[in-house]
Amino acid sequence: ESKEYRTMSAPEKLPDVDNGLLRFLTCGSVDDGKSTLIGRLLFDTKTILADTLTAIERTSNKRGLTAVDLSLLTDGLQAEREQGITIDVAYRYFSTGTRKYIIADAPGHEQYTRNMVTAASTANLAIILIDARKGVLTQTRRHSYLAKLVGIPHVVVAINKMDLVDYDQASYDRIVADYKAFAEQIGLTDVRFIPLSALVGDMIVDRGERLDWYDGPTLIDILEAAPAAHTEKAESFRFPVQYVCRPQASDNPELHDYRGFMGRVESGEIKVGDSVTVLPNGRSTRVKGIQLYGQSLDKAIHEQSVTLLLEDEIDISRGDMIVTSEEIPAQAKQVEAIVCWLSETPLSPARTYWLRHTTREVKAKVASIAHRVDINSLANEPASTLAMNDIARLTLKLAQPIFADNYADSRATGAFILIDESTNNTVGAGMIVG
């Protein structure tokens, strides 16, 4: 089926390779066609189950529609939102012959800013929908700012509902010019534009016949070619230790001295024989072995969960970090950060919070709040506290050091969460900027 899809849908035959998982975010104002776009992607890539398709065909017929209403594929989610049930983010999964995808569907309203930040934090590409009749709105600017804030490297501006403006190129060009001016203002660099009609299906998977003045790639072509996470630049090796493995009652004499350090490679890669340094104690040694599900590996790469064996006995516990000796991060007891406040209880500078950075937890206090960002005007304002959904730049003082990179260099080791000591609730999400 994937062979048939590639022949039918792409102007050129796509290579039969796996381009890696792509996590992407869809965002837009209410009624911009987000649900229909996701439905169209699932439908045209043939990833809807037959029984699901039959069910939405039946519902479409009941509503008197002549065509299948693809927005019904995500309608359950909208109904739950209308009932007031809190849903952080809805995820949809699909795959083509060349790649697997995870779509994060984020709510568009201002009161769901925290939800969008959550969805965007793991995305490598954002699709920002604009209604061709309405152009660039306040919500468009807000979503673009949040995409820039959380470090999404690639943005696709999808100008939807072209069928409702008679596929007019002048309308498209006007919106492109408006958005480019705004993107320059906030420092968005990698932006691509595409006209489409999610309802009809033009320029999503199939090109259609009504946008012949646009000679760029379709949306699925852009998604297929987008770089996967961790692939665009060399990254430093970062391995936060989650668990120390010491087999106890074992009859195997080889396991008597076994000490494995288990965790996930957050960035970079490591090979057997490489020189590593353990933080915070600063001791150096070499990697003796790398194991995955009992099998020995020559090297481990980003996002792999592995066990490292070291040549020397070093006191290591959960919360420590193993790094390559040539690329040691700064140990900081004070950090500058951009924080999105997630809690209904306002931030109190008088209180102490737990800061969780990778697998390490330290106590933190707010030393100062530089400014709060007005999420609609994007202006900086003075602030003495933060309410839910507020975004601000602040300084945190820590009881013990963390081993932090700037968020711009590493999203995994440049991010943290703040936890309320008394309730154990996550109250803030932060990105280290200095």
Protein backbone atom coordinates (compact mmCIF):
# COMPACT_ATOMS: atom_id res chain seq x y z
CA GLU A 1 0.00 0.00 0.00
CA SER A 2 2.90 2.36 0.75
CA LYS A 3 4.29 1.75 -2.77
CA GLU A 4 0.94 2.70 -4.26
CA TYR A 5 0.79 5.82 -2.11
CA ARG A 6 4.21 7.00 -3.19
CA THR A 7 3.48 6.50 -6.88
CA MET A 8 0.13 8.27 -6.69
CA SER A 9 0.95 11.12 -4.37
CA ALA A 10 4.44 12.40 -4.96
CA PRO A 11 5.61 14.22 -8.08
CA GLU A 12 8.83 12.21 -7.85
CA LYS A 13 9.27 8.72 -6.43
CA LEU A 14 10.43 8.97 -2.84
CA PRO A 15 13.39 6.86 -1.68
CA ASP A 16 12.54 3.63 0.13
CA VAL A 17 14.27 4.63 3.38
CA ASP A 18 13.30 5.45 6.94
CA ASN A 19 13.87 9.16 7.56
CA GLY A 20 13.36 8.77 11.30
CA LEU A 21 10.47 9.75 13.52
CA LEU A 22 9.14 13.29 13.04
CA ARG A 23 7.19 14.90 15.85
CA PHE A 24 5.25 17.92 14.65
CA LEU A 25 2.74 20.36 16.10
CA THR A 26 -0.41 21.74 14.50
CA CYS A 27 -1.76 25.04 15.80
CA GLY A 28 -4.12 27.74 14.63
CA SER A 29 -7.09 29.85 15.59
CA VAL A 30 -10.54 28.36 16.11
CA ASP A 31 -12.11 27.16 12.83
CA ASP A 32 -8.90 27.48 10.83
CA GLY A 33 -9.40 23.86 9.76
CA LYS A 34 -6.94 22.08 12.04
CA SER A 35 -9.16 19.02 12.58
CA THR A 36 -9.87 18.76 8.84
CA LEU A 37 -6.14 19.05 8.05
CA ILE A 38 -5.24 16.21 10.43
CA GLY A 39 -8.15 14.15 9.10
CA ARG A 40 -7.03 14.78 5.52
CA LEU A 41 -3.44 13.71 6.31
CA LEU A 42 -4.69 10.48 7.89
CA PHE A 43 -7.18 9.86 5.07
CA ASP A 44 -4.90 10.60 2.10
CA THR A 45 -1.96 8.64 3.55
CA LYS A 46 -4.33 5.66 3.92
CA THR A 47 -3.83 5.34 7.68
CA ILE A 48 -7.50 5.33 8.69
CA LEU A 49 -8.92 1.94 9.61
CA ALA A 50 -11.85 0.80 7.46
CA ASP A 51 -14.29 0.71 10.39
CA THR A 52 -13.35 4.28 11.38
CA LEU A 53 -13.92 5.46 7.81
CA THR A 54 -17.31 3.71 7.68
CA ALA A 55 -18.35 5.37 10.96
CA ILE A 56 -17.47 8.90 9.83
CA GLU A 57 -19.13 8.30 6.44
CA ARG A 58 -22.32 7.32 8.28
CA THR A 59 -22.15 10.43 10.50
CA SER A 60 -21.46 12.66 7.49
CA ASN A 61 -24.53 11.24 5.72
CA LYS A 62 -26.68 11.83 8.79
CA ARG A 63 -25.63 15.48 8.76
CA GLY A 64 -26.66 15.74 5.10
CA LEU A 65 -23.12 16.17 3.77
CA THR A 66 -22.24 14.99 0.29
CA ALA A 67 -18.55 14.39 1.13
CA VAL A 68 -16.91 12.72 4.13
CA ASP A 69 -16.33 15.24 6.96
CA LEU A 70 -12.74 14.44 7.90
CA SER A 71 -12.81 16.74 10.94
CA LEU A 72 -14.92 14.00 12.60
CA LEU A 73 -11.68 12.04 13.09
CA THR A 74 -10.74 14.45 15.89
CA ASP A 75 -14.27 15.39 16.91
CA GLY A 76 -14.22 13.34 20.08
CA LEU A 77 -11.47 15.60 21.32
CA GLN A 78 -13.43 18.77 20.53
CA ALA A 79 -16.54 17.41 22.24
CA GLU A 80 -14.52 16.70 25.36
CA ARG A 81 -13.15 20.23 25.31
CA GLU A 82 -16.68 21.65 24.96
CA GLN A 83 -17.70 19.62 28.02
CA GLY A 84 -14.97 21.37 30.01
CA ILE A 85 -12.77 18.30 30.47
CA THR A 86 -9.12 19.33 30.61
CA ILE A 87 -7.07 17.68 27.87
CA ASP A 88 -3.47 18.78 27.73
CA VAL A 89 -2.64 17.65 24.22
CA ALA A 90 -4.09 15.13 21.79
CA TYR A 91 -1.60 13.01 19.87
CA ARG A 92 -2.24 11.31 16.54
CA TYR A 93 0.06 8.72 14.97
CA PHE A 94 0.50 7.82 11.31
CA SER A 95 3.16 6.57 8.94
CA THR A 96 4.01 6.57 5.26
CA GLY A 97 6.39 4.32 3.36
CA THR A 98 9.35 6.44 4.42
CA ARG A 99 8.68 7.78 7.89
CA LYS A 100 6.69 7.59 11.12
CA TYR A 101 4.92 10.67 12.51
CA ILE A 102 3.48 11.89 15.80
CA ILE A 103 1.11 14.86 15.48
CA ALA A 104 0.59 16.98 18.60
CA ASP A 105 -2.76 18.75 18.32
CA ALA A 106 -2.60 21.78 20.64
CA PRO A 107 -5.56 23.93 21.75
CA GLY A 108 -5.51 27.43 20.29
CA HIS A 109 -6.99 29.62 23.02
CA GLU A 110 -4.87 31.93 25.16
CA GLN A 111 -5.97 30.14 28.35
CA TYR A 112 -4.34 26.98 26.95
CA THR A 113 -0.89 28.56 26.52
CA ARG A 114 0.58 26.04 28.98
CA ASN A 115 -0.89 23.18 26.92
CA MET A 116 0.69 24.44 23.73
CA VAL A 117 4.08 24.84 25.44
CA THR A 118 3.79 21.20 26.57
CA ALA A 119 2.96 20.03 23.05
CA ALA A 120 5.64 22.15 21.40
CA SER A 121 8.46 21.11 23.74
CA THR A 122 9.15 17.86 21.85
CA ALA A 123 8.18 18.96 18.32
CA ASN A 124 10.74 19.41 15.56
CA LEU A 125 8.35 21.16 13.16
CA ALA A 126 5.25 23.33 13.60
CA ILE A 127 2.40 23.74 11.12
CA ILE A 128 0.74 27.10 11.76
CA LEU A 129 -2.63 27.31 10.04
CA ILE A 130 -3.95 30.62 8.70
CA ASP A 131 -7.45 31.10 7.27
CA ALA A 132 -6.96 32.59 3.79
CA ARG A 133 -10.00 34.86 4.39
CA LYS A 134 -8.70 36.26 7.72
CA GLY A 135 -4.94 36.50 7.31
CA VAL A 136 -2.45 36.89 10.18
CA LEU A 137 -4.31 37.18 13.49
CA THR A 138 -3.22 37.79 17.10
CA GLN A 139 -3.41 34.03 17.70
CA THR A 140 -1.13 33.42 14.70
CA ARG A 141 1.48 35.74 16.22
CA ARG A 142 1.11 34.13 19.65
CA HIS A 143 1.53 30.60 18.32
CA SER A 144 4.54 31.64 16.25
CA TYR A 145 6.15 33.28 19.29
CA LEU A 146 5.61 30.13 21.37
CA ALA A 147 7.09 27.97 18.60
CA LYS A 148 10.17 30.22 18.56
CA LEU A 149 10.32 30.27 22.38
CA VAL A 150 10.44 26.48 22.78
CA GLY A 151 12.98 26.08 19.99
CA ILE A 152 11.00 24.39 17.22
CA PRO A 153 13.55 24.62 14.39
CA HIS A 154 11.17 24.45 11.39
CA VAL A 155 7.89 26.30 10.80
CA VAL A 156 5.42 25.66 7.96
CA VAL A 157 2.80 28.36 7.49
CA ALA A 158 -0.18 26.60 5.90
CA ILE A 159 -2.58 29.09 4.35
CA ASN A 160 -5.77 27.05 4.43
CA LYS A 161 -9.26 27.43 2.95
CA MET A 162 -7.89 28.63 -0.40
CA ASP A 163 -11.11 27.18 -1.89
CA LEU A 164 -13.06 29.95 -0.11
CA VAL A 165 -11.05 32.73 -1.79
CA ASP A 166 -11.28 31.09 -5.25
CA TYR A 167 -7.63 29.98 -5.03
CA ASP A 168 -6.57 33.62 -5.42
CA GLN A 169 -2.79 34.01 -5.58
CA ALA A 170 -2.94 37.69 -4.55
CA SER A 171 -4.62 36.75 -1.24
CA TYR A 172 -1.89 34.17 -0.61
CA ASP A 173 0.93 36.60 -1.49
CA ARG A 174 -0.49 39.26 0.84
CA ILE A 175 -0.58 36.86 3.81
CA VAL A 176 2.96 35.62 3.05
CA ALA A 177 4.26 39.23 3.05
CA ASP A 178 2.48 40.01 6.35
CA TYR A 179 3.82 36.90 8.06
CA LYS A 180 7.39 37.40 6.78
CA ALA A 181 7.46 40.88 8.32
CA PHE A 182 6.32 39.46 11.67
CA ALA A 183 8.71 36.47 11.52
CA GLU A 184 11.62 38.86 11.03
CA GLN A 185 10.48 40.84 14.08
CA ILE A 186 10.62 37.79 16.42
CA GLY A 187 13.65 36.15 14.80
CA LEU A 188 11.98 33.17 13.12
CA THR A 189 14.36 32.08 10.36
CA ASP A 190 13.29 28.71 8.89
CA VAL A 191 9.76 29.42 7.61
CA ARG A 192 8.08 27.83 4.58
CA PHE A 193 4.72 28.80 3.09
CA ILE A 194 2.16 26.62 1.36
CA PRO A 195 -1.37 27.30 0.05
CA LEU A 196 -3.82 24.46 0.60
CA SER A 197 -7.40 23.36 1.06
CA ALA A 198 -7.77 20.73 3.79
CA LEU A 199 -11.45 20.29 2.91
CA VAL A 200 -10.83 19.51 -0.76
CA GLY A 201 -7.36 18.03 -0.26
CA ASP A 202 -5.31 20.35 -2.48
CA MET A 203 -1.56 20.45 -1.71
CA ILE A 204 -1.69 18.15 1.32
CA VAL A 205 -0.86 14.73 -0.12
CA ASP A 206 -2.18 15.17 -3.66
CA ARG A 207 -1.40 18.39 -5.51
CA GLY A 208 -4.92 18.90 -6.88
CA GLU A 209 -5.65 20.93 -10.00
CA ARG A 210 -6.64 24.33 -8.66
CA LEU A 211 -3.31 25.68 -7.35
CA ASP A 212 -1.27 25.44 -10.56
CA TRP A 213 0.35 28.82 -9.84
CA TYR A 214 2.12 27.27 -6.81
CA ASP A 215 5.08 25.14 -7.89
CA GLY A 216 6.50 24.29 -4.45
CA PRO A 217 6.25 20.97 -2.58
CA THR A 218 3.04 19.58 -1.06
CA LEU A 219 2.66 19.43 2.71
CA ILE A 220 3.51 15.72 2.85
CA ASP A 221 6.63 16.37 0.72
CA ILE A 222 7.78 18.96 3.28
CA LEU A 223 7.09 16.57 6.17
CA GLU A 224 8.87 13.67 4.45
CA ALA A 225 12.00 15.76 3.87
CA ALA A 226 12.10 17.55 7.28
CA PRO A 227 15.19 16.71 9.35
CA ALA A 228 14.59 14.46 12.37
CA ALA A 229 15.52 15.61 15.87
CA HIS A 230 19.25 15.51 16.82
CA THR A 231 20.36 15.24 13.18
CA GLU A 232 21.08 18.83 12.19
CA LYS A 233 24.18 19.65 14.22
CA ALA A 234 26.82 17.91 16.28
CA GLU A 235 25.64 17.53 19.88
CA SER A 236 27.54 17.01 23.13
CA PHE A 237 27.11 13.65 24.87
CA ARG A 238 24.83 13.92 27.91
CA PHE A 239 23.82 10.87 29.97
CA PRO A 240 21.86 11.59 33.17
CA VAL A 241 22.02 8.52 35.42
CA GLN A 242 18.57 7.13 36.30
CA TYR A 243 19.49 3.96 38.14
CA VAL A 244 22.56 2.05 39.35
CA CYS A 245 22.25 -1.67 38.57
CA ARG A 246 23.93 -4.02 41.08
CA PRO A 247 22.69 -7.64 40.72
CA GLN A 248 22.51 -9.06 44.25
CA ALA A 249 21.81 -12.78 44.71
CA SER A 250 23.46 -14.11 41.58
CA ASP A 251 25.13 -17.48 41.06
CA ASN A 252 27.06 -16.03 38.11
CA PRO A 253 30.57 -15.05 39.35
CA GLU A 254 30.88 -12.58 36.44
CA LEU A 255 28.07 -10.51 37.95
CA HIS A 256 29.58 -10.22 41.45
CA ASP A 257 31.44 -7.03 40.53
CA TYR A 258 28.87 -5.82 38.00
CA ARG A 259 27.93 -2.16 38.30
CA GLY A 260 25.91 -0.73 35.42
CA PHE A 261 24.68 2.86 35.10
CA MET A 262 21.28 2.97 33.44
CA GLY A 263 19.75 5.97 31.71
CA ARG A 264 18.89 7.59 28.41
CA VAL A 265 21.32 9.27 26.03
CA GLU A 266 19.74 12.73 25.90
CA SER A 267 22.07 13.99 23.18
CA GLY A 268 25.22 13.07 21.29
CA GLU A 269 26.72 9.59 21.11
CA ILE A 270 29.25 7.47 23.00
CA LYS A 271 31.54 4.60 21.96
CA VAL A 272 33.27 1.86 23.93
CA GLY A 273 36.72 3.19 24.91
CA ASP A 274 35.68 6.86 24.97
CA SER A 275 36.93 9.01 27.85
CA VAL A 276 34.09 10.25 30.08
CA THR A 277 33.76 12.46 33.13
CA VAL A 278 31.25 11.99 35.94
CA LEU A 279 29.52 15.04 37.40
CA PRO A 280 29.46 16.48 40.03
CA ASN A 281 32.62 14.76 41.37
CA GLY A 282 34.66 15.42 38.19
CA ARG A 283 36.29 11.94 38.12
CA SER A 284 37.30 10.67 34.67
CA THR A 285 37.37 7.11 33.31
CA ARG A 286 36.65 5.20 30.09
CA VAL A 287 33.60 3.36 28.84
CA LYS A 288 34.19 -0.38 29.24
CA GLY A 289 30.90 -1.56 27.76
CA ILE A 290 27.48 -0.48 26.48
CA GLN A 291 24.50 -2.79 26.91
CA LEU A 292 20.96 -2.73 25.57
CA TYR A 293 18.53 -5.47 26.65
CA GLY A 294 21.50 -7.69 27.55
CA GLN A 295 23.20 -7.22 24.17
CA SER A 296 26.56 -5.48 23.87
CA LEU A 297 26.81 -2.43 21.59
CA ASP A 298 29.84 -0.65 20.16
CA LYS A 299 28.15 2.73 20.54
CA ALA A 300 24.96 4.39 21.81
CA ILE A 301 23.21 7.33 20.16
CA HIS A 302 20.65 9.99 21.15
CA GLU A 303 17.36 8.83 22.69
CA GLN A 304 18.63 5.29 23.30
CA SER A 305 18.10 3.91 26.82
CA VAL A 306 21.22 1.90 27.67
CA THR A 307 23.44 0.66 30.50
CA LEU A 308 27.01 1.99 30.63
CA LEU A 309 29.85 0.01 32.22
CA LEU A 310 32.93 2.00 33.27
CA GLU A 311 36.55 0.87 33.67
CA ASP A 312 37.04 2.38 37.14
CA GLU A 313 34.97 2.16 40.29
CA ILE A 314 33.50 5.62 40.84
CA ASP A 315 30.81 6.65 43.30
CA ILE A 316 27.86 7.41 41.01
CA SER A 317 24.17 7.67 41.89
CA ARG A 318 20.86 8.81 40.39
CA GLY A 319 21.00 12.49 39.45
CA ASP A 320 24.68 12.40 38.45
CA MET A 321 25.58 12.95 34.81
CA ILE A 322 28.12 11.19 32.60
CA VAL A 323 29.58 13.37 29.81
CA THR A 324 32.50 13.18 27.38
CA SER A 325 35.65 14.60 28.96
CA GLU A 326 36.11 17.15 26.13
CA GLU A 327 32.59 18.60 26.42
CA ILE A 328 31.78 19.26 30.07
CA PRO A 329 28.72 21.47 30.78
CA ALA A 330 28.80 24.29 33.30
CA GLN A 331 27.85 23.49 36.89
CA ALA A 332 25.48 26.27 37.90
CA LYS A 333 23.90 27.23 41.23
CA GLN A 334 22.14 30.20 39.63
CA VAL A 335 20.36 30.14 36.28
CA GLU A 336 18.57 32.61 34.03
CA ALA A 337 15.49 31.04 32.49
CA ILE A 338 12.29 31.63 30.56
CA VAL A 339 9.48 30.03 32.57
CA CYS A 340 5.89 29.22 31.60
CA TRP A 341 3.76 29.07 34.76
CA LEU A 342 1.44 26.04 34.68
CA SER A 343 -0.29 26.21 38.04
CA GLU A 344 -3.54 27.87 39.10
CA THR A 345 -1.68 28.89 42.28
CA PRO A 346 0.46 31.96 41.44
CA LEU A 347 4.25 31.88 41.74
CA SER A 348 5.47 33.14 45.11
CA PRO A 349 9.05 34.47 45.31
CA ALA A 350 8.92 33.74 49.06
CA ARG A 351 8.46 29.99 48.50
CA THR A 352 10.98 27.24 47.80
CA TYR A 353 10.31 24.90 44.85
CA TRP A 354 11.88 21.68 43.68
CA LEU A 355 13.65 22.09 40.34
CA ARG A 356 13.91 18.85 38.34
CA HIS A 357 16.57 18.95 35.65
CA THR A 358 17.01 15.61 33.82
CA THR A 359 17.20 13.09 36.71
CA ARG A 360 18.48 15.59 39.28
CA GLU A 361 16.28 17.39 41.80
CA VAL A 362 17.45 20.47 43.73
CA LYS A 363 15.71 23.12 45.81
CA ALA A 364 15.24 26.48 44.08
CA LYS A 365 14.09 29.98 44.96
CA VAL A 366 13.16 32.85 42.65
CA ALA A 367 15.85 35.51 43.05
CA SER A 368 14.22 38.03 40.68
CA ILE A 369 11.70 38.35 37.85
CA ALA A 370 13.19 40.38 34.99
CA HIS A 371 9.91 40.76 33.06
CA ARG A 372 6.69 39.06 32.04
CA VAL A 373 5.80 38.72 28.35
CA ASP A 374 2.39 39.94 27.22
CA ILE A 375 1.51 36.91 25.13
CA ASN A 376 -0.64 38.90 22.69
CA SER A 377 1.37 42.10 22.16
CA LEU A 378 4.72 40.32 22.90
CA ALA A 379 5.77 43.37 24.95
CA ASN A 380 7.83 42.93 28.15
CA GLU A 381 6.13 44.06 31.38
CA PRO A 382 7.33 44.31 35.00
CA ALA A 383 5.97 41.57 37.28
CA SER A 384 6.26 40.52 40.94
CA THR A 385 4.42 37.19 40.53
CA LEU A 386 3.19 34.88 37.76
CA ALA A 387 -0.35 33.60 37.15
CA MET A 388 -1.31 30.50 35.18
CA ASN A 389 -0.17 30.65 31.51
CA ASP A 390 2.17 33.61 32.18
CA ILE A 391 5.60 33.52 30.53
CA ALA A 392 8.48 35.41 32.16
CA ARG A 393 12.25 35.67 32.35
CA LEU A 394 13.56 35.11 35.85
CA THR A 395 16.64 34.21 37.90
CA LEU A 396 16.65 31.10 40.08
CA LYS A 397 19.04 30.35 42.95
CA LEU A 398 19.69 26.65 43.58
CA ALA A 399 20.74 24.77 46.72
CA GLN A 400 22.99 22.40 44.70
CA PRO A 401 24.42 22.80 41.21
CA ILE A 402 22.84 21.41 38.04
CA PHE A 403 24.80 20.50 34.90
CA ALA A 404 23.04 22.67 32.40
CA ASP A 405 23.37 23.61 28.75
CA ASN A 406 21.64 26.58 27.20
CA TYR A 407 18.25 25.57 25.82
CA ALA A 408 19.30 26.84 22.38
CA ASP A 409 22.13 24.27 22.39
CA SER A 410 20.24 21.33 23.89
CA ARG A 411 16.50 21.12 24.46
CA ALA A 412 16.93 18.06 26.70
CA THR A 413 19.54 19.42 29.11
CA GLY A 414 18.47 23.06 28.80
CA ALA A 415 14.96 22.41 30.13
CA PHE A 416 13.57 21.84 33.61
CA ILE A 417 10.31 21.75 35.55
CA LEU A 418 9.39 23.35 38.87
CA ILE A 419 7.50 21.28 41.43
CA ASP A 420 5.45 22.44 44.41
CA GLU A 421 7.01 21.02 47.60
CA SER A 422 3.70 20.52 49.41
CA THR A 423 1.46 19.11 46.62
CA ASN A 424 4.13 17.53 44.37
CA ASN A 425 2.35 19.17 41.40
CA THR A 426 4.33 20.44 38.41
CA VAL A 427 3.86 24.23 38.53
CA GLY A 428 6.32 25.58 35.95
CA ALA A 429 8.27 24.63 32.82
CA GLY A 430 11.54 26.39 32.16
CA MET A 431 14.17 26.93 29.48
CA ILE A 432 17.68 27.95 30.52
CA VAL A 433 19.01 31.01 28.70
CA GLY A 434 22.08 31.83 30.78
